[in-house]
Amino acid sequence: MDAHQQQLALAAIRRHYLFASFSEAELERLLGSVKLYELSPEQALFSQDQPSKQFYLLADGLIKLYRTAADGNEKVVEIISPGQTIAEAVIFMRRSAFPVGAQALNPSRVYGIDGATYVALLQHNMDACMRILGDLSMRLHARLNDVVNLTQQNATYRVVRFLASQLPSGARDGALLYLSSPKHVIASRLSVKPETFSRIMSTLAQQGVIEIKGREITVSDITRLFEFE
C-alpha cells in the first residue's frame, strides 16, 4: 500500500472497536501487517478449509460467507457489510482454517490483518481482549437466534423479518429499502428457495404491503408487514 492507502487503512482500523483499545504505537505496528485486497464481483477472498493466517476488515463493498455441502449445494451463512470484520475468531482456533468461503458480491476493498501480529498485541492489552470476547459472545447469540428462526419459523416469517431488519430506526409507511444482495443470495441466507422468496415478495406486493421496483422496495404499510403471516 502507498502512503495514502495506509492512511485510509489506519483510519478504518482505528474506527473499529476491536482495535479501539490499542495505542498509536500498537496501531502503527498492526498497520505494518495489513494488506489491501481489491476484489471484483464473484472474486473469492478465501475458500472453505483454506489455512488462515489473516482476518479481514471490509472497507467497502459486500462479501458473502458461505459453506459448500458434500453434494455441492451452497448455503449463505452471512452477508458482510462495510465496517464489519471477517474470520477474527479463526485466529484463536487450534486448527487455523476457514470454516466458510468468502466471495465478493460487488466491487470490494478488504484489509487483511495478520493474525499473529494481532494476537501478540492482545497479549499485552486486556481491554482489547475483553472487547473481542464480547464480540464473539454477541455473534454466538446471533447465530443461535438464526438457528431458531431457520428451524422453527416458516419461510414467510423469515422473509418478513428480513425485510423488517433492513428498515431504518423509526421508519414509517413509505420507507425505502434497497436489497444490496442478489435475491438468490438473500434466499440462501434465509434457507428458502429463490422461487419461494420471489413468491412471498409477490404476495406482499399484491396485498399492498410493499412495492417492488427491481431491488428497491417501498414498505407501504409497516404495521401490516410486522403482522404479516
Protein backbone atom coordinates (compact mmCIF):
# COMPACT_ATOMS: atom_id res chain seq x y z
CA MET A 1 0.00 0.00 0.00
CA ASP A 2 1.16 3.54 -0.72
CA ALA A 3 1.10 6.27 1.94
CA HIS A 4 -2.46 7.38 1.08
CA GLN A 5 -3.77 3.81 1.21
CA GLN A 6 -2.02 3.30 4.55
CA GLN A 7 -3.75 6.35 5.99
CA LEU A 8 -7.13 5.09 4.79
CA ALA A 9 -6.41 1.69 6.32
CA LEU A 10 -5.33 3.23 9.62
CA ALA A 11 -8.49 5.34 9.78
CA ALA A 12 -10.70 2.30 9.10
CA ILE A 13 -8.90 0.20 11.71
CA ARG A 14 -8.96 2.97 14.30
CA ARG A 15 -12.77 3.27 13.94
CA HIS A 16 -13.41 -0.41 14.64
CA TYR A 17 -13.96 -1.27 18.29
CA LEU A 18 -11.75 -4.39 18.15
CA PHE A 19 -8.78 -2.05 17.73
CA ALA A 20 -10.05 0.90 19.76
CA SER A 21 -8.04 -0.04 22.86
CA PHE A 22 -4.71 -0.04 21.04
CA SER A 23 -2.26 2.80 21.44
CA GLU A 24 -0.98 4.71 18.40
CA ALA A 25 2.27 2.75 18.58
CA GLU A 26 0.33 -0.54 18.60
CA LEU A 27 -1.83 0.59 15.69
CA GLU A 28 1.27 1.52 13.69
CA ARG A 29 2.73 -1.91 14.40
CA LEU A 30 -0.51 -3.55 13.30
CA LEU A 31 -0.65 -1.41 10.17
CA GLY A 32 2.67 -2.87 9.10
CA SER A 33 0.96 -6.25 8.74
CA VAL A 34 -2.08 -5.02 6.80
CA LYS A 35 -2.59 -5.92 3.14
CA LEU A 36 -5.18 -4.41 0.79
CA TYR A 37 -7.29 -6.71 -1.38
CA GLU A 38 -9.36 -5.24 -4.20
CA LEU A 39 -11.95 -7.74 -5.37
CA SER A 40 -14.15 -7.86 -8.44
CA PRO A 41 -17.71 -9.22 -8.25
CA GLU A 42 -17.71 -13.00 -7.64
CA GLN A 43 -13.99 -12.99 -6.86
CA ALA A 44 -13.04 -15.16 -3.88
CA LEU A 45 -11.37 -13.68 -0.82
CA PHE A 46 -10.68 -17.13 0.62
CA SER A 47 -12.00 -20.67 0.30
CA GLN A 48 -13.63 -23.03 2.78
CA ASP A 49 -10.99 -25.08 4.66
CA GLN A 50 -8.16 -22.87 3.37
CA PRO A 51 -5.44 -22.37 6.02
CA SER A 52 -5.85 -18.97 7.65
CA LYS A 53 -3.19 -16.55 8.78
CA GLN A 54 -5.23 -13.38 8.44
CA PHE A 55 -8.58 -11.97 9.37
CA TYR A 56 -10.27 -9.17 7.48
CA LEU A 57 -11.96 -5.79 7.73
CA LEU A 58 -14.30 -4.81 4.90
CA ALA A 59 -13.68 -1.21 3.82
CA ASP A 60 -16.35 -1.04 1.13
CA GLY A 61 -18.40 -3.42 -0.97
CA LEU A 62 -20.25 -6.54 0.08
CA ILE A 63 -18.97 -10.02 0.93
CA LYS A 64 -20.93 -13.23 1.31
CA LEU A 65 -19.78 -16.00 3.63
CA TYR A 66 -20.95 -19.45 2.58
CA ARG A 67 -20.49 -23.16 3.14
CA THR A 68 -20.47 -25.77 0.40
CA ALA A 69 -22.06 -29.10 1.30
CA ALA A 70 -20.82 -32.50 0.13
CA ASP A 71 -23.46 -32.50 -2.61
CA GLY A 72 -22.15 -29.19 -3.92
CA ASN A 73 -25.04 -27.06 -2.70
CA GLU A 74 -24.12 -23.64 -1.33
CA LYS A 75 -25.56 -22.16 1.85
CA VAL A 76 -25.02 -18.45 2.52
CA VAL A 77 -24.13 -18.04 6.19
CA GLU A 78 -23.76 -14.29 6.44
CA ILE A 79 -23.55 -11.15 4.31
CA ILE A 80 -20.78 -8.79 5.45
CA SER A 81 -21.21 -5.03 5.13
CA PRO A 82 -18.55 -2.27 5.26
CA GLY A 83 -17.08 -1.80 8.71
CA GLN A 84 -17.54 -5.46 9.70
CA THR A 85 -14.72 -7.91 10.34
CA ILE A 86 -14.43 -11.39 8.88
CA ALA A 87 -12.96 -14.53 10.47
CA GLU A 88 -11.39 -12.92 13.54
CA ALA A 89 -12.43 -15.92 15.63
CA VAL A 90 -10.44 -18.28 13.42
CA ILE A 91 -7.09 -16.88 14.54
CA PHE A 92 -7.77 -18.26 18.04
CA MET A 93 -8.53 -21.79 16.85
CA ARG A 94 -6.04 -24.62 17.21
CA ARG A 95 -6.80 -25.68 13.64
CA SER A 96 -6.49 -22.40 11.76
CA ALA A 97 -8.63 -22.97 8.68
CA PHE A 98 -11.58 -21.00 7.40
CA PRO A 99 -14.86 -22.85 8.13
CA VAL A 100 -16.56 -20.93 5.30
CA GLY A 101 -15.70 -19.43 1.95
CA ALA A 102 -15.85 -15.69 1.24
CA GLN A 103 -16.74 -14.10 -2.09
CA ALA A 104 -17.33 -10.52 -3.21
CA LEU A 105 -20.88 -9.70 -4.30
CA ASN A 106 -19.81 -6.39 -5.85
CA PRO A 107 -16.52 -4.46 -6.17
CA SER A 108 -14.99 -4.62 -2.69
CA ARG A 109 -11.92 -3.42 -0.81
CA VAL A 110 -10.79 -5.56 2.11
CA TYR A 111 -7.97 -5.10 4.60
CA GLY A 112 -6.22 -8.32 5.57
CA ILE A 113 -4.75 -8.21 9.09
CA ASP A 114 -2.03 -10.61 10.19
CA GLY A 115 -3.41 -12.86 12.92
CA ALA A 116 -0.10 -13.48 14.67
CA THR A 117 0.60 -9.74 14.97
CA TYR A 118 -2.88 -9.09 16.36
CA VAL A 119 -2.64 -11.91 18.92
CA ALA A 120 0.78 -10.66 20.03
CA LEU A 121 -0.72 -7.21 20.68
CA LEU A 122 -3.65 -8.73 22.58
CA GLN A 123 -1.29 -10.49 24.96
CA HIS A 124 -0.41 -7.08 26.40
CA ASN A 125 -3.85 -5.44 26.19
CA MET A 126 -6.62 -6.73 28.46
CA ASP A 127 -9.15 -4.12 27.28
CA ALA A 128 -8.86 -5.33 23.70
CA CYS A 129 -9.18 -8.95 24.89
CA MET A 130 -12.44 -8.16 26.67
CA ARG A 131 -13.82 -6.35 23.62
CA ILE A 132 -13.18 -9.29 21.30
CA LEU A 133 -14.68 -11.71 23.83
CA GLY A 134 -17.78 -9.54 23.91
CA ASP A 135 -17.95 -9.53 20.12
CA LEU A 136 -17.63 -13.29 19.89
CA SER A 137 -20.32 -13.74 22.53
CA MET A 138 -22.73 -11.47 20.63
CA ARG A 139 -22.06 -13.35 17.41
CA LEU A 140 -22.73 -16.66 19.16
CA HIS A 141 -26.08 -15.38 20.39
CA ALA A 142 -26.88 -14.09 16.90
CA ARG A 143 -26.12 -17.49 15.38
CA LEU A 144 -28.31 -19.20 18.00
CA ASN A 145 -31.16 -16.85 17.08
CA ASP A 146 -30.57 -17.70 13.43
CA VAL A 147 -30.81 -21.42 14.19
CA VAL A 148 -34.12 -20.89 15.99
CA ASN A 149 -35.57 -18.75 13.20
CA LEU A 150 -34.40 -21.06 10.41
CA THR A 151 -35.64 -24.25 12.06
CA GLN A 152 -38.78 -23.20 13.90
CA GLN A 153 -40.25 -20.44 11.70
CA ASN A 154 -41.81 -20.75 8.26
CA ALA A 155 -40.46 -19.17 5.08
CA THR A 156 -42.89 -16.23 5.13
CA TYR A 157 -41.85 -15.32 8.68
CA ARG A 158 -38.17 -15.36 7.69
CA VAL A 159 -38.69 -13.14 4.63
CA VAL A 160 -40.87 -10.66 6.53
CA ARG A 161 -38.41 -10.47 9.43
CA PHE A 162 -35.56 -9.96 6.96
CA LEU A 163 -37.35 -7.02 5.35
CA ALA A 164 -38.16 -5.56 8.76
CA SER A 165 -34.50 -5.83 9.77
CA GLN A 166 -33.47 -3.72 6.77
CA LEU A 167 -35.68 -0.79 7.79
CA PRO A 168 -34.00 2.21 9.44
CA SER A 169 -34.87 3.03 13.03
CA GLY A 170 -38.15 4.95 13.30
CA ALA A 171 -39.21 4.09 9.75
CA ARG A 172 -42.76 4.97 8.72
CA ASP A 173 -45.11 3.99 5.90
CA GLY A 174 -43.44 4.70 2.58
CA ALA A 175 -39.96 3.85 3.86
CA LEU A 176 -37.49 2.73 1.21
CA LEU A 177 -35.01 -0.10 1.48
CA TYR A 178 -32.58 -1.47 -1.05
CA LEU A 179 -31.69 -5.13 -1.47
CA SER A 180 -27.92 -4.81 -1.76
CA SER A 181 -27.52 -8.56 -2.36
CA PRO A 182 -28.96 -10.58 -5.25
CA LYS A 183 -32.26 -12.27 -4.41
CA HIS A 184 -30.82 -15.79 -4.69
CA VAL A 185 -28.16 -14.87 -2.10
CA ILE A 186 -30.78 -13.50 0.29
CA ALA A 187 -32.88 -16.63 -0.25
CA SER A 188 -29.93 -18.86 0.62
CA ARG A 189 -29.23 -16.80 3.73
CA LEU A 190 -32.87 -17.30 4.80
CA SER A 191 -32.83 -21.01 3.89
CA VAL A 192 -35.62 -20.67 1.36
CA LYS A 193 -35.64 -21.48 -2.35
CA PRO A 194 -35.25 -18.48 -4.69
CA GLU A 195 -38.68 -19.16 -6.20
CA THR A 196 -40.21 -19.24 -2.71
CA PHE A 197 -38.59 -15.91 -1.86
CA SER A 198 -39.97 -14.39 -5.09
CA ARG A 199 -43.43 -15.80 -4.43
CA ILE A 200 -43.56 -14.34 -0.90
CA MET A 201 -42.37 -10.96 -2.15
CA SER A 202 -45.03 -11.03 -4.87
CA THR A 203 -47.72 -11.88 -2.31
CA LEU A 204 -46.65 -8.95 -0.13
CA ALA A 205 -46.81 -6.65 -3.16
CA GLN A 206 -50.21 -7.96 -4.26
CA GLN A 207 -51.63 -7.30 -0.80
CA GLY A 208 -50.33 -3.73 -0.76
CA VAL A 209 -47.74 -4.26 1.97
CA ILE A 210 -44.76 -3.41 -0.27
CA GLU A 211 -43.99 -2.10 -3.75
CA ILE A 212 -41.14 -3.61 -5.75
CA LYS A 213 -39.01 -1.83 -8.35
CA GLY A 214 -36.03 -4.03 -9.06
CA ARG A 215 -34.01 -4.13 -5.84
CA GLU A 216 -35.75 -1.06 -4.42
CA ILE A 217 -38.56 -1.89 -2.01
CA THR A 218 -41.11 0.60 -0.70
CA VAL A 219 -42.80 -0.54 2.50
CA SER A 220 -46.29 0.87 2.07
CA ASP A 221 -47.70 -0.45 5.35
CA ILE A 222 -45.16 -1.13 8.10
CA THR A 223 -47.78 -2.33 10.60
CA ARG A 224 -49.08 -4.96 8.18
CA LEU A 225 -45.51 -6.00 7.37
CA PHE A 226 -44.79 -6.79 11.02
CA GLU A 227 -48.13 -8.58 11.39
CA PHE A 228 -47.99 -10.48 8.11
CA GLU A 229 -48.15 -14.28 8.35
